[in-house]
Amino acid sequence: MMGRIYSSENFPNILYDETALKLKDTLPDINKDQSEYTFMASAVRSMNIDRYVKDFLKRNPDGIIVELGCGLETTYNRCYDGKTKWYELDLPEVIEYRENLLPPGENQILIKGSILNDDWLEYFDLNNPVLFVAGGVFHYFPHDDVIKTFKILQNFKNAELVFDTLNKLGIRGIKRYMKKLGHDEATMYFYVDDGEKLANKIDAALLKEERYYNHTSKKGMKFMTKVSMTVSDLLYMVKMIHIKL
């Protein structure tokens, strides 16, 4: 959320989030622990996800969107087209916190549940075209748990999944950064070095594996932010993956 606010105030050409701006005064101040790069990394993730959501809805006018581990995501507020059913899934305590800040809008349904269990499938017609979105989620789960989640999603007959991930080098770097901030408890496990191999492992099809900052204008950013983004893309340290489940 703070990354989306930062971008809206400083780089609205990359991501402008009116809903996030309205909530600025209700959120804790974490600016002291962040850099321009970390703020913009979060904002770029949202920008990338918006692209995939809008493309999916163009191709599937009757499709639905399901955000996994939604937290305080505001993708709905930026991308809702006035008709699509939009589902937000997260743990009960997260959904309760979310409801206080972001009451659900038209056709937006909040679901209390875990991505590691399949009990939330009862909310859906499994034949509907669906795009699952997972922004900043899978890093925190062991590899086997993420694969388990993929298998649950494959209960849908016509499903796509888009998510951001790191490669092995990237996850080493983010672990060092989190330790520096004093967040040793935020352990990260899951990473993807090769999207094709991951897709083959779960009998899915890789639609796209792209550099994270591929669509990001760096104009006006600090020198070190530009360097960090460039190096990340050169080494595929962070990337977007889109698969057909």
Protein backbone atom coordinates (compact mmCIF):
# COMPACT_ATOMS: atom_id res chain seq x y z
CA MET A 1 0.00 0.00 0.00
CA MET A 2 2.77 2.46 0.89
CA GLY A 3 4.53 1.68 -2.38
CA ARG A 4 1.36 2.48 -4.31
CA ILE A 5 1.03 5.74 -2.39
CA TYR A 6 4.65 6.64 -3.11
CA SER A 7 4.22 6.00 -6.82
CA SER A 8 0.94 7.92 -6.95
CA GLU A 9 2.63 10.96 -5.42
CA ASN A 10 5.93 10.79 -7.30
CA PHE A 11 5.52 8.62 -10.41
CA PRO A 12 1.82 8.62 -11.34
CA ASN A 13 2.79 7.71 -14.91
CA ILE A 14 3.82 4.28 -13.57
CA LEU A 15 0.98 3.72 -11.12
CA TYR A 16 -1.71 6.05 -9.84
CA ASP A 17 -3.89 4.64 -7.07
CA GLU A 18 -6.57 7.02 -5.83
CA THR A 19 -7.86 4.55 -3.24
CA ALA A 20 -4.41 4.11 -1.70
CA LEU A 21 -3.94 7.88 -1.50
CA LYS A 22 -7.21 8.27 0.40
CA LEU A 23 -6.02 5.76 3.00
CA LYS A 24 -2.59 7.32 3.52
CA ASP A 25 -3.40 8.90 6.90
CA THR A 26 -4.83 5.66 8.30
CA LEU A 27 -1.63 3.63 7.78
CA PRO A 28 1.47 3.35 9.99
CA ASP A 29 4.51 5.39 8.93
CA ILE A 30 7.10 2.96 7.55
CA ASN A 31 8.96 5.45 5.36
CA LYS A 32 12.07 5.36 7.55
CA ASP A 33 12.71 1.73 6.62
CA GLN A 34 12.17 2.07 2.89
CA SER A 35 14.05 3.30 -0.15
CA GLU A 36 12.73 4.59 -3.44
CA TYR A 37 13.60 1.24 -4.98
CA THR A 38 11.59 -0.83 -2.48
CA PHE A 39 8.59 1.48 -2.76
CA MET A 40 8.68 1.35 -6.55
CA ALA A 41 9.22 -2.42 -6.62
CA SER A 42 5.84 -2.75 -4.91
CA ALA A 43 4.21 -0.23 -7.23
CA VAL A 44 5.61 -1.91 -10.35
CA ARG A 45 4.17 -5.23 -9.20
CA SER A 46 0.73 -3.60 -9.11
CA MET A 47 1.30 -1.99 -12.51
CA ASN A 48 2.27 -5.36 -13.97
CA ILE A 49 -0.71 -7.15 -12.44
CA ASP A 50 -3.05 -4.47 -13.80
CA ARG A 51 -1.76 -5.23 -17.31
CA TYR A 52 -2.48 -8.93 -16.98
CA VAL A 53 -5.92 -8.36 -15.44
CA LYS A 54 -7.02 -5.99 -18.19
CA ASP A 55 -5.70 -8.30 -20.91
CA PHE A 56 -7.50 -11.29 -19.39
CA LEU A 57 -10.81 -9.44 -19.22
CA LYS A 58 -10.48 -8.38 -22.86
CA ARG A 59 -10.01 -12.01 -23.85
CA ASN A 60 -12.62 -13.34 -21.40
CA PRO A 61 -15.54 -10.90 -21.02
CA ASP A 62 -17.33 -13.44 -18.80
CA GLY A 63 -14.26 -14.32 -16.74
CA ILE A 64 -13.73 -13.73 -13.03
CA ILE A 65 -10.75 -12.47 -11.02
CA VAL A 66 -9.54 -14.12 -7.82
CA GLU A 67 -6.80 -12.43 -5.77
CA LEU A 68 -4.92 -14.91 -3.59
CA GLY A 69 -3.56 -13.53 -0.33
CA CYS A 70 -5.21 -10.21 -1.15
CA GLY A 71 -4.09 -8.29 1.95
CA LEU A 72 -4.76 -4.62 1.21
CA GLU A 73 -4.52 -4.93 -2.56
CA THR A 74 -6.52 -2.34 -4.51
CA THR A 75 -6.41 -3.94 -7.96
CA TYR A 76 -10.21 -4.02 -8.00
CA ASN A 77 -10.40 -0.25 -7.46
CA ARG A 78 -8.07 0.39 -10.40
CA CYS A 79 -9.34 -2.25 -12.83
CA TYR A 80 -12.99 -3.01 -12.12
CA ASP A 81 -14.97 -2.80 -15.36
CA GLY A 82 -18.44 -2.51 -13.89
CA LYS A 83 -19.48 -6.13 -14.38
CA THR A 84 -16.76 -8.66 -13.51
CA LYS A 85 -17.08 -10.69 -10.33
CA TRP A 86 -14.02 -10.12 -8.20
CA TYR A 87 -13.02 -12.37 -5.30
CA GLU A 88 -10.52 -11.55 -2.55
CA LEU A 89 -9.12 -14.49 -0.55
CA ASP A 90 -7.05 -14.26 2.62
CA LEU A 91 -6.90 -15.48 6.20
CA PRO A 92 -9.83 -14.50 8.47
CA GLU A 93 -7.88 -11.92 10.51
CA VAL A 94 -6.60 -10.27 7.33
CA ILE A 95 -10.07 -10.07 5.77
CA GLU A 96 -11.46 -8.56 8.99
CA TYR A 97 -8.73 -5.90 8.97
CA ARG A 98 -9.31 -5.28 5.27
CA GLU A 99 -13.06 -4.82 5.73
CA ASN A 100 -12.42 -1.87 8.08
CA LEU A 101 -10.24 -0.05 5.55
CA LEU A 102 -11.60 -1.31 2.23
CA PRO A 103 -15.27 -2.29 2.41
CA PRO A 104 -16.15 -4.47 -0.60
CA GLY A 105 -17.52 -2.76 -3.68
CA GLU A 106 -19.96 -3.87 -6.36
CA ASN A 107 -19.41 -7.52 -7.40
CA GLN A 108 -16.48 -7.79 -4.97
CA ILE A 109 -16.63 -10.75 -2.60
CA LEU A 110 -14.27 -11.24 0.36
CA ILE A 111 -13.51 -14.85 1.30
CA LYS A 112 -11.93 -15.99 4.55
CA GLY A 113 -9.68 -18.94 3.81
CA SER A 114 -6.20 -20.28 3.18
CA ILE A 115 -4.59 -20.85 -0.19
CA LEU A 116 -3.33 -24.15 1.24
CA ASN A 117 -6.86 -25.55 1.66
CA ASP A 118 -9.56 -26.17 -0.93
CA ASP A 119 -12.67 -25.40 1.16
CA TRP A 120 -13.09 -22.01 -0.55
CA LEU A 121 -13.73 -23.71 -3.92
CA GLU A 122 -17.40 -24.03 -2.94
CA TYR A 123 -17.86 -20.35 -3.79
CA PHE A 124 -17.24 -20.97 -7.49
CA ASP A 125 -18.50 -22.58 -10.64
CA LEU A 126 -15.33 -24.42 -11.62
CA ASN A 127 -16.15 -24.07 -15.32
CA ASN A 128 -15.86 -20.27 -15.32
CA PRO A 129 -12.81 -18.71 -16.97
CA VAL A 130 -10.73 -17.37 -14.08
CA LEU A 131 -7.54 -15.41 -13.60
CA PHE A 132 -5.82 -16.05 -10.29
CA VAL A 133 -3.60 -13.21 -9.14
CA ALA A 134 -0.92 -13.59 -6.46
CA GLY A 135 1.07 -10.44 -5.77
CA GLY A 136 3.90 -10.73 -3.25
CA VAL A 137 2.52 -13.98 -1.86
CA PHE A 138 4.32 -17.16 -2.87
CA HIS A 139 7.81 -16.08 -1.69
CA TYR A 140 6.81 -16.75 1.91
CA PHE A 141 5.77 -20.38 1.41
CA PRO A 142 7.93 -23.51 1.09
CA HIS A 143 8.13 -24.88 -2.44
CA ASP A 144 5.91 -27.89 -1.72
CA ASP A 145 3.16 -25.66 -0.31
CA VAL A 146 3.16 -23.50 -3.43
CA ILE A 147 2.90 -26.58 -5.63
CA LYS A 148 0.00 -27.75 -3.45
CA THR A 149 -1.75 -24.44 -4.07
CA PHE A 150 -1.21 -24.76 -7.83
CA LYS A 151 -2.83 -28.19 -7.72
CA ILE A 152 -5.86 -26.75 -5.88
CA LEU A 153 -6.22 -24.06 -8.55
CA GLN A 154 -6.21 -26.75 -11.23
CA ASN A 155 -9.67 -27.82 -10.04
CA PHE A 156 -10.86 -25.03 -12.35
CA LYS A 157 -11.32 -26.13 -15.94
CA ASN A 158 -10.25 -22.86 -17.56
CA ALA A 159 -7.81 -21.09 -15.28
CA GLU A 160 -4.79 -18.82 -15.63
CA LEU A 161 -2.41 -17.64 -12.93
CA VAL A 162 -0.16 -14.60 -12.82
CA PHE A 163 2.32 -13.98 -10.04
CA ASP A 164 5.59 -12.25 -9.28
CA THR A 165 8.59 -14.25 -8.14
CA LEU A 166 12.32 -14.11 -7.58
CA ASN A 167 15.05 -16.40 -8.82
CA LYS A 168 17.56 -17.98 -6.44
CA LEU A 169 19.89 -14.97 -6.62
CA GLY A 170 17.01 -12.58 -6.00
CA ILE A 171 15.75 -14.40 -2.96
CA ARG A 172 19.22 -14.36 -1.41
CA GLY A 173 19.31 -10.60 -1.87
CA ILE A 174 15.86 -9.98 -0.40
CA LYS A 175 16.67 -12.15 2.62
CA ARG A 176 19.73 -10.01 3.34
CA TYR A 177 17.62 -6.86 2.97
CA MET A 178 14.89 -8.12 5.32
CA LYS A 179 17.51 -9.06 7.90
CA LYS A 180 18.98 -5.56 7.63
CA LEU A 181 15.53 -4.12 8.40
CA GLY A 182 15.22 -6.37 11.44
CA HIS A 183 12.52 -8.57 9.88
CA ASP A 184 14.22 -11.93 10.27
CA GLU A 185 10.80 -13.51 10.80
CA ALA A 186 9.81 -12.69 7.19
CA THR A 187 11.56 -15.77 5.86
CA MET A 188 11.28 -16.38 2.13
CA TYR A 189 11.49 -19.80 0.52
CA PHE A 190 9.90 -20.11 -2.92
CA TYR A 191 11.71 -18.99 -6.04
CA VAL A 192 11.62 -19.80 -9.75
CA ASP A 193 14.76 -20.02 -11.88
CA ASP A 194 13.00 -21.45 -14.93
CA GLY A 195 9.30 -20.84 -15.57
CA GLU A 196 9.11 -23.58 -18.21
CA LYS A 197 10.37 -26.20 -15.78
CA LEU A 198 7.86 -25.06 -13.16
CA ALA A 199 4.98 -25.26 -15.63
CA ASN A 200 6.05 -28.74 -16.77
CA LYS A 201 6.22 -29.92 -13.17
CA ILE A 202 2.53 -29.19 -12.64
CA ASP A 203 1.37 -30.14 -16.15
CA ALA A 204 0.61 -26.53 -17.03
CA ALA A 205 1.61 -24.27 -19.93
CA LEU A 206 3.92 -21.29 -19.55
CA LEU A 207 2.31 -18.31 -21.30
CA LYS A 208 4.90 -15.70 -20.39
CA GLU A 209 7.97 -15.19 -18.23
CA GLU A 210 9.06 -11.58 -18.36
CA ARG A 211 11.48 -9.20 -16.73
CA TYR A 212 9.85 -7.33 -13.86
CA TYR A 213 10.75 -3.79 -14.94
CA ASN A 214 10.30 -4.39 -18.66
CA HIS A 215 7.44 -1.88 -18.91
CA THR A 216 8.76 0.66 -16.39
CA SER A 217 9.95 4.14 -17.32
CA LYS A 218 12.88 5.07 -15.06
CA LYS A 219 12.76 8.77 -15.91
CA GLY A 220 13.13 10.96 -12.81
CA MET A 221 14.21 8.14 -10.48
CA LYS A 222 17.32 8.21 -8.32
CA PHE A 223 20.49 6.79 -9.82
CA MET A 224 20.63 3.78 -7.47
CA THR A 225 16.99 2.97 -8.17
CA LYS A 226 17.73 2.86 -11.90
CA VAL A 227 20.82 0.71 -11.32
CA SER A 228 18.93 -1.72 -9.08
CA MET A 229 16.11 -2.10 -11.60
CA THR A 230 18.52 -2.57 -14.52
CA VAL A 231 20.62 -5.20 -12.72
CA SER A 232 17.48 -7.01 -11.55
CA ASP A 233 16.20 -7.27 -15.11
CA LEU A 234 19.56 -8.30 -16.56
CA LEU A 235 19.78 -11.20 -14.10
CA TYR A 236 16.04 -11.98 -14.03
CA MET A 237 16.22 -11.53 -10.24
CA VAL A 238 12.53 -10.57 -10.12
CA LYS A 239 10.04 -11.51 -12.80
CA MET A 240 6.40 -11.99 -13.70
CA ILE A 241 5.11 -15.44 -14.59
CA HIS A 242 1.85 -16.17 -16.38
CA ILE A 243 0.73 -19.77 -16.74
CA LYS A 244 -2.28 -21.62 -18.09
CA LEU A 245 -3.30 -24.09 -15.43
